[in-house]
Amino acid sequence: TSARKIAMSIANSPLVKTAIAGEDANWGRVVMAVGK
């Protein structure tokens, strides 16, 4: 359940999703999404 919530936090992050659109492996945004 915890893994699902964290995965969804990453998946729903506009910052993560726009970085992927820009082909930028911006792991800092993934860290942000995990933390929040």
PDB file of all heavy atoms in Angstrom:
ATOM      1  N   THR A   1       0.829  -1.203   0.000  1.00  0.00           N
ATOM      2  CA  THR A   1       0.000   0.000   0.000  1.00  0.00           C
ATOM      3  C   THR A   1       0.865   1.256   0.000  1.00  0.00           C
ATOM      4  O   THR A   1       0.588   2.218  -0.723  1.00  0.00           O
ATOM      5  CB  THR A   1      -0.928   0.014   1.231  1.00  0.00           C
ATOM      6  OG1 THR A   1      -1.792  -1.124   1.178  1.00  0.00           O
ATOM      7  CG2 THR A   1      -1.772   1.278   1.273  1.00  0.00           C
ATOM      8  N   SER A   2       1.922   1.237   0.793  1.00  0.00           N
ATOM      9  CA  SER A   2       2.843   2.369   0.846  1.00  0.00           C
ATOM     10  C   SER A   2       3.539   2.554  -0.502  1.00  0.00           C
ATOM     11  O   SER A   2       3.685   3.675  -1.001  1.00  0.00           O
ATOM     12  CB  SER A   2       3.880   2.154   1.948  1.00  0.00           C
ATOM     13  OG  SER A   2       4.758   3.258   2.036  1.00  0.00           O
ATOM     14  N   ALA A   3       3.948   1.434  -1.119  1.00  0.00           N
ATOM     15  CA  ALA A   3       4.606   1.499  -2.429  1.00  0.00           C
ATOM     16  C   ALA A   3       3.665   2.090  -3.469  1.00  0.00           C
ATOM     17  O   ALA A   3       4.082   2.888  -4.317  1.00  0.00           O
ATOM     18  CB  ALA A   3       5.062   0.106  -2.844  1.00  0.00           C
ATOM     19  N   ARG A   4       2.371   1.716  -3.422  1.00  0.00           N
ATOM     20  CA  ARG A   4       1.389   2.250  -4.364  1.00  0.00           C
ATOM     21  C   ARG A   4       1.248   3.768  -4.205  1.00  0.00           C
ATOM     22  O   ARG A   4       1.222   4.513  -5.185  1.00  0.00           O
ATOM     23  CB  ARG A   4       0.032   1.557  -4.166  1.00  0.00           C
ATOM     24  CG  ARG A   4      -1.151   2.185  -4.901  1.00  0.00           C
ATOM     25  CD  ARG A   4      -1.062   2.067  -6.410  1.00  0.00           C
ATOM     26  NE  ARG A   4      -1.047   0.682  -6.842  1.00  0.00           N
ATOM     27  CZ  ARG A   4      -2.141  -0.055  -7.098  1.00  0.00           C
ATOM     28  NH1 ARG A   4      -3.342   0.481  -6.968  1.00  0.00           N
ATOM     29  NH2 ARG A   4      -2.016  -1.303  -7.506  1.00  0.00           N
ATOM     30  N   LYS A   5       1.153   4.232  -2.977  1.00  0.00           N
ATOM     31  CA  LYS A   5       0.988   5.670  -2.747  1.00  0.00           C
ATOM     32  C   LYS A   5       2.191   6.463  -3.237  1.00  0.00           C
ATOM     33  O   LYS A   5       2.047   7.548  -3.810  1.00  0.00           O
ATOM     34  CB  LYS A   5       0.741   5.934  -1.259  1.00  0.00           C
ATOM     35  CG  LYS A   5      -0.623   5.454  -0.767  1.00  0.00           C
ATOM     36  CD  LYS A   5      -0.814   5.743   0.712  1.00  0.00           C
ATOM     37  CE  LYS A   5      -2.189   5.279   1.172  1.00  0.00           C
ATOM     38  NZ  LYS A   5      -2.404   5.517   2.623  1.00  0.00           N
ATOM     39  N   ILE A   6       3.376   5.917  -3.028  1.00  0.00           N
ATOM     40  CA  ILE A   6       4.588   6.606  -3.483  1.00  0.00           C
ATOM     41  C   ILE A   6       4.660   6.591  -5.006  1.00  0.00           C
ATOM     42  O   ILE A   6       4.989   7.608  -5.639  1.00  0.00           O
ATOM     43  CB  ILE A   6       5.834   5.965  -2.858  1.00  0.00           C
ATOM     44  CG1 ILE A   6       5.853   6.221  -1.348  1.00  0.00           C
ATOM     45  CG2 ILE A   6       7.109   6.516  -3.502  1.00  0.00           C
ATOM     46  CD1 ILE A   6       6.928   5.458  -0.601  1.00  0.00           C
ATOM     47  N   ALA A   7       4.330   5.447  -5.605  1.00  0.00           N
ATOM     48  CA  ALA A   7       4.350   5.351  -7.060  1.00  0.00           C
ATOM     49  C   ALA A   7       3.361   6.322  -7.691  1.00  0.00           C
ATOM     50  O   ALA A   7       3.659   6.985  -8.693  1.00  0.00           O
ATOM     51  CB  ALA A   7       4.036   3.919  -7.495  1.00  0.00           C
ATOM     52  N   MET A   8       2.187   6.451  -7.084  1.00  0.00           N
ATOM     53  CA  MET A   8       1.184   7.384  -7.598  1.00  0.00           C
ATOM     54  C   MET A   8       1.620   8.834  -7.397  1.00  0.00           C
ATOM     55  O   MET A   8       1.328   9.700  -8.228  1.00  0.00           O
ATOM     56  CB  MET A   8      -0.169   7.139  -6.923  1.00  0.00           C
ATOM     57  CG  MET A   8      -0.950   5.989  -7.511  1.00  0.00           C
ATOM     58  SD  MET A   8      -1.444   6.342  -9.230  1.00  0.00           S
ATOM     59  CE  MET A   8      -2.509   4.940  -9.567  1.00  0.00           C
ATOM     60  N   SER A   9       2.314   9.104  -6.319  1.00  0.00           N
ATOM     61  CA  SER A   9       2.829  10.453  -6.080  1.00  0.00           C
ATOM     62  C   SER A   9       3.801  10.848  -7.193  1.00  0.00           C
ATOM     63  O   SER A   9       3.779  11.980  -7.696  1.00  0.00           O
ATOM     64  CB  SER A   9       3.537  10.516  -4.721  1.00  0.00           C
ATOM     65  OG  SER A   9       4.061  11.810  -4.481  1.00  0.00           O
ATOM     66  N   ILE A  10       4.629   9.909  -7.600  1.00  0.00           N
ATOM     67  CA  ILE A  10       5.572  10.158  -8.700  1.00  0.00           C
ATOM     68  C   ILE A  10       4.815  10.297 -10.013  1.00  0.00           C
ATOM     69  O   ILE A  10       5.039  11.240 -10.791  1.00  0.00           O
ATOM     70  CB  ILE A  10       6.593   9.008  -8.800  1.00  0.00           C
ATOM     71  CG1 ILE A  10       7.420   8.905  -7.520  1.00  0.00           C
ATOM     72  CG2 ILE A  10       7.520   9.207 -10.003  1.00  0.00           C
ATOM     73  CD1 ILE A  10       8.236   7.618  -7.414  1.00  0.00           C
ATOM     74  N   ALA A  11       3.890   9.373 -10.255  1.00  0.00           N
ATOM     75  CA  ALA A  11       3.164   9.334 -11.525  1.00  0.00           C
ATOM     76  C   ALA A  11       2.297  10.563 -11.749  1.00  0.00           C
ATOM     77  O   ALA A  11       2.081  10.983 -12.890  1.00  0.00           O
ATOM     78  CB  ALA A  11       2.303   8.077 -11.589  1.00  0.00           C
ATOM     79  N   ASN A  12       1.788  11.141 -10.669  1.00  0.00           N
ATOM     80  CA  ASN A  12       0.897  12.289 -10.796  1.00  0.00           C
ATOM     81  C   ASN A  12       1.613  13.636 -10.686  1.00  0.00           C
ATOM     82  O   ASN A  12       0.975  14.689 -10.756  1.00  0.00           O
ATOM     83  CB  ASN A  12      -0.206  12.224  -9.737  1.00  0.00           C
ATOM     84  CG  ASN A  12      -1.286  11.222 -10.086  1.00  0.00           C
ATOM     85  OD1 ASN A  12      -1.623  11.053 -11.252  1.00  0.00           O
ATOM     86  ND2 ASN A  12      -1.830  10.537  -9.087  1.00  0.00           N
ATOM     87  N   SER A  13       2.910  13.611 -10.538  1.00  0.00           N
ATOM     88  CA  SER A  13       3.652  14.867 -10.412  1.00  0.00           C
ATOM     89  C   SER A  13       3.822  15.546 -11.774  1.00  0.00           C
ATOM     90  O   SER A  13       4.460  14.991 -12.672  1.00  0.00           O
ATOM     91  CB  SER A  13       5.040  14.610  -9.813  1.00  0.00           C
ATOM     92  OG  SER A  13       5.857  15.748  -9.976  1.00  0.00           O
ATOM     93  N   PRO A  14       3.282  16.746 -11.959  1.00  0.00           N
ATOM     94  CA  PRO A  14       3.487  17.465 -13.220  1.00  0.00           C
ATOM     95  C   PRO A  14       4.966  17.715 -13.501  1.00  0.00           C
ATOM     96  O   PRO A  14       5.391  17.708 -14.659  1.00  0.00           O
ATOM     97  CB  PRO A  14       2.737  18.785 -13.011  1.00  0.00           C
ATOM     98  CG  PRO A  14       1.718  18.476 -11.964  1.00  0.00           C
ATOM     99  CD  PRO A  14       2.394  17.503 -11.052  1.00  0.00           C
ATOM    100  N   LEU A  15       5.748  17.910 -12.459  1.00  0.00           N
ATOM    101  CA  LEU A  15       7.181  18.163 -12.656  1.00  0.00           C
ATOM    102  C   LEU A  15       7.906  16.926 -13.161  1.00  0.00           C
ATOM    103  O   LEU A  15       8.771  17.002 -14.045  1.00  0.00           O
ATOM    104  CB  LEU A  15       7.810  18.653 -11.353  1.00  0.00           C
ATOM    105  CG  LEU A  15       7.418  20.065 -10.918  1.00  0.00           C
ATOM    106  CD1 LEU A  15       8.034  20.389  -9.567  1.00  0.00           C
ATOM    107  CD2 LEU A  15       7.850  21.087 -11.957  1.00  0.00           C
ATOM    108  N   VAL A  16       7.548  15.758 -12.631  1.00  0.00           N
ATOM    109  CA  VAL A  16       8.147  14.520 -13.131  1.00  0.00           C
ATOM    110  C   VAL A  16       7.716  14.286 -14.578  1.00  0.00           C
ATOM    111  O   VAL A  16       8.535  13.973 -15.454  1.00  0.00           O
ATOM    112  CB  VAL A  16       7.737  13.315 -12.255  1.00  0.00           C
ATOM    113  CG1 VAL A  16       8.192  11.998 -12.901  1.00  0.00           C
ATOM    114  CG2 VAL A  16       8.325  13.440 -10.861  1.00  0.00           C
ATOM    115  N   LYS A  17       6.437  14.464 -14.841  1.00  0.00           N
ATOM    116  CA  LYS A  17       5.882  14.158 -16.161  1.00  0.00           C
ATOM    117  C   LYS A  17       6.399  15.107 -17.240  1.00  0.00           C
ATOM    118  O   LYS A  17       6.642  14.700 -18.381  1.00  0.00           O
ATOM    119  CB  LYS A  17       4.357  14.184 -16.090  1.00  0.00           C
ATOM    120  CG  LYS A  17       3.786  13.041 -15.250  1.00  0.00           C
ATOM    121  CD  LYS A  17       2.382  13.311 -14.763  1.00  0.00           C
ATOM    122  CE  LYS A  17       1.367  13.227 -15.843  1.00  0.00           C
ATOM    123  NZ  LYS A  17       1.149  11.833 -16.315  1.00  0.00           N
ATOM    124  N   THR A  18       6.587  16.384 -16.890  1.00  0.00           N
ATOM    125  CA  THR A  18       7.129  17.325 -17.881  1.00  0.00           C
ATOM    126  C   THR A  18       8.613  17.078 -18.117  1.00  0.00           C
ATOM    127  O   THR A  18       9.111  17.271 -19.228  1.00  0.00           O
ATOM    128  CB  THR A  18       6.903  18.783 -17.447  1.00  0.00           C
ATOM    129  OG1 THR A  18       7.361  18.966 -16.099  1.00  0.00           O
ATOM    130  CG2 THR A  18       5.432  19.154 -17.523  1.00  0.00           C
ATOM    131  N   ALA A  19       9.336  16.632 -17.093  1.00  0.00           N
ATOM    132  CA  ALA A  19      10.750  16.291 -17.276  1.00  0.00           C
ATOM    133  C   ALA A  19      10.881  15.134 -18.256  1.00  0.00           C
ATOM    134  O   ALA A  19      11.760  15.137 -19.134  1.00  0.00           O
ATOM    135  CB  ALA A  19      11.388  15.925 -15.936  1.00  0.00           C
ATOM    136  N   ILE A  20       9.980  14.146 -18.129  1.00  0.00           N
ATOM    137  CA  ILE A  20      10.006  13.007 -19.044  1.00  0.00           C
ATOM    138  C   ILE A  20       9.669  13.463 -20.462  1.00  0.00           C
ATOM    139  O   ILE A  20      10.280  13.006 -21.437  1.00  0.00           O
ATOM    140  CB  ILE A  20       9.048  11.910 -18.553  1.00  0.00           C
ATOM    141  CG1 ILE A  20       9.567  11.330 -17.231  1.00  0.00           C
ATOM    142  CG2 ILE A  20       8.907  10.806 -19.602  1.00  0.00           C
ATOM    143  CD1 ILE A  20       8.586  10.431 -16.538  1.00  0.00           C
ATOM    144  N   ALA A  21       8.714  14.376 -20.583  1.00  0.00           N
ATOM    145  CA  ALA A  21       8.376  14.918 -21.900  1.00  0.00           C
ATOM    146  C   ALA A  21       9.586  15.603 -22.533  1.00  0.00           C
ATOM    147  O   ALA A  21       9.786  15.547 -23.747  1.00  0.00           O
ATOM    148  CB  ALA A  21       7.212  15.902 -21.781  1.00  0.00           C
ATOM    149  N   GLY A  22      10.403  16.242 -21.692  1.00  0.00           N
ATOM    150  CA  GLY A  22      11.603  16.903 -22.167  1.00  0.00           C
ATOM    151  C   GLY A  22      12.816  15.997 -22.244  1.00  0.00           C
ATOM    152  O   GLY A  22      13.931  16.464 -22.504  1.00  0.00           O
ATOM    153  N   GLU A  23      12.581  14.691 -22.005  1.00  0.00           N
ATOM    154  CA  GLU A  23      13.641  13.668 -22.054  1.00  0.00           C
ATOM    155  C   GLU A  23      14.784  13.994 -21.101  1.00  0.00           C
ATOM    156  O   GLU A  23      15.961  13.803 -21.405  1.00  0.00           O
ATOM    157  CB  GLU A  23      14.137  13.487 -23.496  1.00  0.00           C
ATOM    158  CG  GLU A  23      13.019  13.041 -24.430  1.00  0.00           C
ATOM    159  CD  GLU A  23      13.455  12.802 -25.859  1.00  0.00           C
ATOM    160  OE1 GLU A  23      14.550  13.279 -26.239  1.00  0.00           O
ATOM    161  OE2 GLU A  23      12.704  12.132 -26.609  1.00  0.00           O
ATOM    162  N   ASP A  24      14.389  14.467 -19.920  1.00  0.00           N
ATOM    163  CA  ASP A  24      15.342  14.847 -18.881  1.00  0.00           C
ATOM    164  C   ASP A  24      15.181  13.905 -17.690  1.00  0.00           C
ATOM    165  O   ASP A  24      14.125  13.878 -17.059  1.00  0.00           O
ATOM    166  CB  ASP A  24      15.080  16.295 -18.458  1.00  0.00           C
ATOM    167  CG  ASP A  24      15.992  16.760 -17.326  1.00  0.00           C
ATOM    168  OD1 ASP A  24      16.993  16.058 -17.037  1.00  0.00           O
ATOM    169  OD2 ASP A  24      15.714  17.822 -16.740  1.00  0.00           O
ATOM    170  N   ALA A  25      16.221  13.144 -17.373  1.00  0.00           N
ATOM    171  CA  ALA A  25      16.175  12.225 -16.227  1.00  0.00           C
ATOM    172  C   ALA A  25      16.396  13.010 -14.936  1.00  0.00           C
ATOM    173  O   ALA A  25      17.400  12.846 -14.237  1.00  0.00           O
ATOM    174  CB  ALA A  25      17.238  11.140 -16.381  1.00  0.00           C
ATOM    175  N   ASN A  26      15.441  13.841 -14.607  1.00  0.00           N
ATOM    176  CA  ASN A  26      15.560  14.732 -13.451  1.00  0.00           C
ATOM    177  C   ASN A  26      15.152  13.973 -12.186  1.00  0.00           C
ATOM    178  O   ASN A  26      14.009  14.030 -11.747  1.00  0.00           O
ATOM    179  CB  ASN A  26      14.687  15.971 -13.653  1.00  0.00           C
ATOM    180  CG  ASN A  26      14.979  17.058 -12.645  1.00  0.00           C
ATOM    181  OD1 ASN A  26      15.426  16.780 -11.534  1.00  0.00           O
ATOM    182  ND2 ASN A  26      14.721  18.298 -13.021  1.00  0.00           N
ATOM    183  N   TRP A  27      16.118  13.255 -11.609  1.00  0.00           N
ATOM    184  CA  TRP A  27      15.811  12.433 -10.434  1.00  0.00           C
ATOM    185  C   TRP A  27      15.445  13.279  -9.220  1.00  0.00           C
ATOM    186  O   TRP A  27      14.790  12.818  -8.304  1.00  0.00           O
ATOM    187  CB  TRP A  27      16.977  11.495 -10.119  1.00  0.00           C
ATOM    188  CG  TRP A  27      18.224  12.202  -9.642  1.00  0.00           C
ATOM    189  CD1 TRP A  27      18.520  12.576  -8.364  1.00  0.00           C
ATOM    190  CD2 TRP A  27      19.315  12.646 -10.440  1.00  0.00           C
ATOM    191  NE1 TRP A  27      19.722  13.218  -8.314  1.00  0.00           N
ATOM    192  CE2 TRP A  27      20.249  13.267  -9.570  1.00  0.00           C
ATOM    193  CE3 TRP A  27      19.615  12.567 -11.797  1.00  0.00           C
ATOM    194  CZ2 TRP A  27      21.443  13.818 -10.018  1.00  0.00           C
ATOM    195  CZ3 TRP A  27      20.809  13.099 -12.242  1.00  0.00           C
ATOM    196  CH2 TRP A  27      21.702  13.719 -11.364  1.00  0.00           C
ATOM    197  N   GLY A  28      15.841  14.549  -9.233  1.00  0.00           N
ATOM    198  CA  GLY A  28      15.473  15.423  -8.116  1.00  0.00           C
ATOM    199  C   GLY A  28      13.972  15.552  -7.975  1.00  0.00           C
ATOM    200  O   GLY A  28      13.443  15.644  -6.863  1.00  0.00           O
ATOM    201  N   ARG A  29      13.267  15.536  -9.104  1.00  0.00           N
ATOM    202  CA  ARG A  29      11.808  15.624  -9.059  1.00  0.00           C
ATOM    203  C   ARG A  29      11.202  14.324  -8.546  1.00  0.00           C
ATOM    204  O   ARG A  29      10.149  14.334  -7.905  1.00  0.00           O
ATOM    205  CB  ARG A  29      11.275  15.977 -10.445  1.00  0.00           C
ATOM    206  CG  ARG A  29      11.701  17.377 -10.885  1.00  0.00           C
ATOM    207  CD  ARG A  29      11.147  17.757 -12.240  1.00  0.00           C
ATOM    208  NE  ARG A  29      11.535  19.122 -12.581  1.00  0.00           N
ATOM    209  CZ  ARG A  29      11.183  19.753 -13.694  1.00  0.00           C
ATOM    210  NH1 ARG A  29      10.413  19.128 -14.580  1.00  0.00           N
ATOM    211  NH2 ARG A  29      11.581  20.998 -13.931  1.00  0.00           N
ATOM    212  N   VAL A  30      11.847  13.212  -8.827  1.00  0.00           N
ATOM    213  CA  VAL A  30      11.383  11.926  -8.286  1.00  0.00           C
ATOM    214  C   VAL A  30      11.576  11.915  -6.769  1.00  0.00           C
ATOM    215  O   VAL A  30      10.700  11.483  -6.024  1.00  0.00           O
ATOM    216  CB  VAL A  30      12.137  10.755  -8.941  1.00  0.00           C
ATOM    217  CG1 VAL A  30      11.715   9.429  -8.310  1.00  0.00           C
ATOM    218  CG2 VAL A  30      11.887  10.721 -10.443  1.00  0.00           C
ATOM    219  N   VAL A  31      12.723  12.418  -6.311  1.00  0.00           N
ATOM    220  CA  VAL A  31      12.975  12.526  -4.874  1.00  0.00           C
ATOM    221  C   VAL A  31      11.888  13.373  -4.223  1.00  0.00           C
ATOM    222  O   VAL A  31      11.351  13.036  -3.161  1.00  0.00           O
ATOM    223  CB  VAL A  31      14.369  13.142  -4.610  1.00  0.00           C
ATOM    224  CG1 VAL A  31      14.556  13.401  -3.110  1.00  0.00           C
ATOM    225  CG2 VAL A  31      15.469  12.225  -5.123  1.00  0.00           C
ATOM    226  N   MET A  32      11.555  14.496  -4.864  1.00  0.00           N
ATOM    227  CA  MET A  32      10.499  15.364  -4.346  1.00  0.00           C
ATOM    228  C   MET A  32       9.193  14.605  -4.191  1.00  0.00           C
ATOM    229  O   MET A  32       8.511  14.696  -3.155  1.00  0.00           O
ATOM    230  CB  MET A  32      10.322  16.549  -5.300  1.00  0.00           C
ATOM    231  CG  MET A  32       9.130  17.456  -5.015  1.00  0.00           C
ATOM    232  SD  MET A  32       7.531  16.873  -5.674  1.00  0.00           S
ATOM    233  CE  MET A  32       7.853  16.827  -7.430  1.00  0.00           C
ATOM    234  N   ALA A  33       8.822  13.835  -5.231  1.00  0.00           N
ATOM    235  CA  ALA A  33       7.551  13.128  -5.219  1.00  0.00           C
ATOM    236  C   ALA A  33       7.529  12.021  -4.167  1.00  0.00           C
ATOM    237  O   ALA A  33       6.493  11.760  -3.548  1.00  0.00           O
ATOM    238  CB  ALA A  33       7.274  12.544  -6.606  1.00  0.00           C
ATOM    239  N   VAL A  34       8.660  11.371  -3.956  1.00  0.00           N
ATOM    240  CA  VAL A  34       8.752  10.366  -2.889  1.00  0.00           C
ATOM    241  C   VAL A  34       8.555  11.034  -1.537  1.00  0.00           C
ATOM    242  O   VAL A  34       7.787  10.573  -0.689  1.00  0.00           O
ATOM    243  CB  VAL A  34      10.119   9.642  -2.922  1.00  0.00           C
ATOM    244  CG1 VAL A  34      10.282   8.747  -1.684  1.00  0.00           C
ATOM    245  CG2 VAL A  34      10.263   8.815  -4.195  1.00  0.00           C
ATOM    246  N   GLY A  35       9.219  12.143  -1.359  1.00  0.00           N
ATOM    247  CA  GLY A  35       9.169  12.825  -0.069  1.00  0.00           C
ATOM    248  C   GLY A  35       7.817  13.378   0.299  1.00  0.00           C
ATOM    249  O   GLY A  35       7.455  13.418   1.482  1.00  0.00           O
ATOM    250  N   LYS A  36       7.035  13.804  -0.696  1.00  0.00           N
ATOM    251  CA  LYS A  36       5.735  14.430  -0.403  1.00  0.00           C
ATOM    252  C   LYS A  36       4.613  13.414  -0.232  1.00  0.00           C
ATOM    253  O   LYS A  36       3.498  13.782   0.134  1.00  0.00           O
ATOM    254  CB  LYS A  36       5.351  15.409  -1.517  1.00  0.00           C
ATOM    255  CG  LYS A  36       4.895  14.734  -2.802  1.00  0.00           C
ATOM    256  CD  LYS A  36       4.301  15.742  -3.782  1.00  0.00           C
ATOM    257  CE  LYS A  36       3.733  15.022  -5.005  1.00  0.00           C
ATOM    258  NZ  LYS A  36       3.049  15.919  -5.932  1.00  0.00           N
TER     259      LYS A  36
END
